């Protein structure tokens, strides 16, 4: 399940993922939130937390994640990924060279720092 977090600046899409994330989660929640912010804000910032109850992605969710990143590659000003899953942190570090904006990873205990960084 993906939920959009309230209370961040208008140009920030903040999402928390818990449990098994599906393509439907992307198609019904995350992608519309991203596209709506792009329409209203132009450039956006993304705070994506894989919460303590995150258990993984389905194939369709991974595909949707890749597609939204490619379709809107230049729309992001900053991306913060918060996770305690080592392979997620490692994957972000490996692929961040291909993303044309600052990308930082944080652990769940550092969520406040991630929120401050994405908001500044």
C-alpha atoms as a PDB file:
ATOM      1  CA  UNK A   1       0.000   0.000   0.000  1.00  0.00           C
ATOM      2  CA  UNK A   2       1.227   3.492  -0.872  1.00  0.00           C
ATOM      3  CA  UNK A   3      -0.106   6.534   0.941  1.00  0.00           C
ATOM      4  CA  UNK A   4       0.574  10.192   0.183  1.00  0.00           C
ATOM      5  CA  UNK A   5       1.837  12.089   3.233  1.00  0.00           C
ATOM      6  CA  UNK A   6       0.395  15.544   3.916  1.00  0.00           C
ATOM      7  CA  UNK A   7       2.152  18.499   5.475  1.00  0.00           C
ATOM      8  CA  UNK A   8       5.095  19.083   3.147  1.00  0.00           C
ATOM      9  CA  UNK A   9       5.734  22.018   0.811  1.00  0.00           C
ATOM     10  CA  UNK A  10       3.497  22.275  -2.252  1.00  0.00           C
ATOM     11  CA  UNK A  11       6.236  21.141  -4.636  1.00  0.00           C
ATOM     12  CA  UNK A  12       6.895  17.877  -2.727  1.00  0.00           C
ATOM     13  CA  UNK A  13       5.282  14.523  -3.378  1.00  0.00           C
ATOM     14  CA  UNK A  14       5.787  12.525  -0.190  1.00  0.00           C
ATOM     15  CA  UNK A  15       4.779   8.879  -0.215  1.00  0.00           C
ATOM     16  CA  UNK A  16       5.123   6.032   2.262  1.00  0.00           C
ATOM     17  CA  UNK A  17       5.018   2.414   1.132  1.00  0.00           C
ATOM     18  CA  UNK A  18       4.168  -0.450   3.470  1.00  0.00           C
ATOM     19  CA  UNK A  19       3.502  -4.112   2.805  1.00  0.00           C
ATOM     20  CA  UNK A  20       3.779  -5.504  -0.733  1.00  0.00           C
ATOM     21  CA  UNK A  21       3.680  -2.702  -3.328  1.00  0.00           C
ATOM     22  CA  UNK A  22       1.754  -3.469  -6.518  1.00  0.00           C
ATOM     23  CA  UNK A  23       1.353  -1.886  -9.913  1.00  0.00           C
ATOM     24  CA  UNK A  24      -2.124  -0.863  -8.826  1.00  0.00           C
ATOM     25  CA  UNK A  25      -0.583   1.142  -5.944  1.00  0.00           C
ATOM     26  CA  UNK A  26       1.471   3.049  -8.495  1.00  0.00           C
ATOM     27  CA  UNK A  27      -1.343   3.464 -11.013  1.00  0.00           C
ATOM     28  CA  UNK A  28      -4.012   4.595  -8.534  1.00  0.00           C
ATOM     29  CA  UNK A  29      -1.972   6.522  -5.955  1.00  0.00           C
ATOM     30  CA  UNK A  30       1.628   7.443  -6.744  1.00  0.00           C
ATOM     31  CA  UNK A  31       1.575   8.189 -10.475  1.00  0.00           C
ATOM     32  CA  UNK A  32      -1.537  10.428 -10.255  1.00  0.00           C
ATOM     33  CA  UNK A  33       0.011  12.314  -7.304  1.00  0.00           C
ATOM     34  CA  UNK A  34       3.261  12.866  -9.213  1.00  0.00           C
ATOM     35  CA  UNK A  35       1.521  13.925 -12.420  1.00  0.00           C
ATOM     36  CA  UNK A  36      -0.839  16.269 -10.566  1.00  0.00           C
ATOM     37  CA  UNK A  37       2.097  18.001  -8.821  1.00  0.00           C
ATOM     38  CA  UNK A  38       3.987  18.300 -12.111  1.00  0.00           C
ATOM     39  CA  UNK A  39       0.914  19.924 -13.704  1.00  0.00           C
ATOM     40  CA  UNK A  40       0.531  22.435 -10.873  1.00  0.00           C
ATOM     41  CA  UNK A  41       4.152  22.980  -9.816  1.00  0.00           C
ATOM     42  CA  UNK A  42       6.289  22.237 -12.879  1.00  0.00           C
ATOM     43  CA  UNK A  43       9.394  20.888 -11.149  1.00  0.00           C
ATOM     44  CA  UNK A  44       8.811  18.699  -8.098  1.00  0.00           C
ATOM     45  CA  UNK A  45      10.660  17.002  -5.282  1.00  0.00           C
ATOM     46  CA  UNK A  46      10.048  13.405  -4.231  1.00  0.00           C
ATOM     47  CA  UNK A  47      10.237  11.919  -0.749  1.00  0.00           C
ATOM     48  CA  UNK A  48       9.696   8.169  -0.962  1.00  0.00           C
ATOM     49  CA  UNK A  49       9.718   6.206   2.276  1.00  0.00           C
ATOM     50  CA  UNK A  50       9.716   2.430   2.266  1.00  0.00           C
ATOM     51  CA  UNK A  51       8.383   2.053   5.780  1.00  0.00           C
ATOM     52  CA  UNK A  52       9.283  -0.530   8.394  1.00  0.00           C
ATOM     53  CA  UNK A  53       6.445  -2.784   7.201  1.00  0.00           C
ATOM     54  CA  UNK A  54       7.571  -2.726   3.544  1.00  0.00           C
ATOM     55  CA  UNK A  55       7.902  -6.289   2.217  1.00  0.00           C
ATOM     56  CA  UNK A  56       8.688  -5.783  -1.466  1.00  0.00           C
ATOM     57  CA  UNK A  57       7.503  -4.864  -4.937  1.00  0.00           C
ATOM     58  CA  UNK A  58       5.594  -6.889  -7.486  1.00  0.00           C
ATOM     59  CA  UNK A  59       7.021  -6.993 -11.006  1.00  0.00           C
ATOM     60  CA  UNK A  60       4.315  -4.560 -12.178  1.00  0.00           C
ATOM     61  CA  UNK A  61       5.235  -2.097  -9.420  1.00  0.00           C
ATOM     62  CA  UNK A  62       8.908  -2.196 -10.413  1.00  0.00           C
ATOM     63  CA  UNK A  63       7.937  -1.645 -14.053  1.00  0.00           C
ATOM     64  CA  UNK A  64       5.670   1.287 -13.140  1.00  0.00           C
ATOM     65  CA  UNK A  65       8.439   2.781 -11.000  1.00  0.00           C
ATOM     66  CA  UNK A  66      10.868   2.639 -13.920  1.00  0.00           C
ATOM     67  CA  UNK A  67       8.304   4.100 -16.328  1.00  0.00           C
ATOM     68  CA  UNK A  68       7.379   7.069 -14.138  1.00  0.00           C
ATOM     69  CA  UNK A  69      11.066   7.815 -13.613  1.00  0.00           C
ATOM     70  CA  UNK A  70      11.790   7.749 -17.339  1.00  0.00           C
ATOM     71  CA  UNK A  71       8.663   9.683 -18.393  1.00  0.00           C
ATOM     72  CA  UNK A  72       9.281  12.459 -15.891  1.00  0.00           C
ATOM     73  CA  UNK A  73      13.067  12.317 -15.559  1.00  0.00           C
ATOM     74  CA  UNK A  74      13.613  16.067 -15.909  1.00  0.00           C
ATOM     75  CA  UNK A  75      10.654  17.045 -13.696  1.00  0.00           C
ATOM     76  CA  UNK A  76      12.440  16.174 -10.448  1.00  0.00           C
ATOM     77  CA  UNK A  77      14.500  18.747  -8.511  1.00  0.00           C
ATOM     78  CA  UNK A  78      15.474  16.396  -5.666  1.00  0.00           C
ATOM     79  CA  UNK A  79      14.716  12.841  -4.643  1.00  0.00           C
ATOM     80  CA  UNK A  80      15.011  11.396  -1.136  1.00  0.00           C
ATOM     81  CA  UNK A  81      14.610   7.645  -0.636  1.00  0.00           C
ATOM     82  CA  UNK A  82      14.102   6.413   2.918  1.00  0.00           C
ATOM     83  CA  UNK A  83      14.504   2.696   3.567  1.00  0.00           C
ATOM     84  CA  UNK A  84      16.089   0.117   5.839  1.00  0.00           C
ATOM     85  CA  UNK A  85      16.280  -2.412   2.988  1.00  0.00           C
ATOM     86  CA  UNK A  86      19.916  -2.649   1.940  1.00  0.00           C
ATOM     87  CA  UNK A  87      19.280  -3.659  -1.671  1.00  0.00           C
ATOM     88  CA  UNK A  88      17.023  -0.616  -2.146  1.00  0.00           C
ATOM     89  CA  UNK A  89      19.687   1.734  -0.754  1.00  0.00           C
ATOM     90  CA  UNK A  90      22.355   0.036  -2.896  1.00  0.00           C
ATOM     91  CA  UNK A  91      20.212   0.191  -6.053  1.00  0.00           C
ATOM     92  CA  UNK A  92      19.533   3.903  -5.570  1.00  0.00           C
ATOM     93  CA  UNK A  93      23.251   4.560  -5.090  1.00  0.00           C
ATOM     94  CA  UNK A  94      24.100   2.584  -8.256  1.00  0.00           C
ATOM     95  CA  UNK A  95      21.536   4.299 -10.483  1.00  0.00           C
ATOM     96  CA  UNK A  96      21.627   7.848  -9.117  1.00  0.00           C
ATOM     97  CA  UNK A  97      24.339   8.797 -11.624  1.00  0.00           C
ATOM     98  CA  UNK A  98      21.668   8.551 -14.353  1.00  0.00           C
ATOM     99  CA  UNK A  99      19.239  10.875 -12.558  1.00  0.00           C
ATOM    100  CA  UNK A 100      19.719  14.566 -13.393  1.00  0.00           C
ATOM    101  CA  UNK A 101      18.979  15.867  -9.890  1.00  0.00           C
ATOM    102  CA  UNK A 102      20.361  15.372  -6.381  1.00  0.00           C
ATOM    103  CA  UNK A 103      19.398  11.996  -4.912  1.00  0.00           C
ATOM    104  CA  UNK A 104      20.004  11.048  -1.281  1.00  0.00           C
ATOM    105  CA  UNK A 105      19.265   7.930   0.710  1.00  0.00           C
ATOM    106  CA  UNK A 106      18.295   7.808   4.358  1.00  0.00           C
ATOM    107  CA  UNK A 107      17.402   5.107   6.878  1.00  0.00           C
ATOM    108  CA  UNK A 108      13.948   5.125   8.490  1.00  0.00           C
ATOM    109  CA  UNK A 109      15.448   6.451  11.745  1.00  0.00           C
ATOM    110  CA  UNK A 110      16.664   9.444   9.673  1.00  0.00           C
ATOM    111  CA  UNK A 111      13.213  10.304   8.326  1.00  0.00           C
ATOM    112  CA  UNK A 112      13.230  13.766   9.954  1.00  0.00           C
ATOM    113  CA  UNK A 113      16.528  14.547   8.201  1.00  0.00           C
ATOM    114  CA  UNK A 114      15.120  13.343   4.859  1.00  0.00           C
ATOM    115  CA  UNK A 115      12.049  15.514   5.308  1.00  0.00           C
ATOM    116  CA  UNK A 116      14.199  18.549   6.160  1.00  0.00           C
ATOM    117  CA  UNK A 117      16.536  17.941   3.186  1.00  0.00           C
ATOM    118  CA  UNK A 118      13.721  17.552   0.644  1.00  0.00           C
ATOM    119  CA  UNK A 119      12.003  20.689   2.010  1.00  0.00           C
ATOM    120  CA  UNK A 120      15.036  23.036   1.987  1.00  0.00           C
END
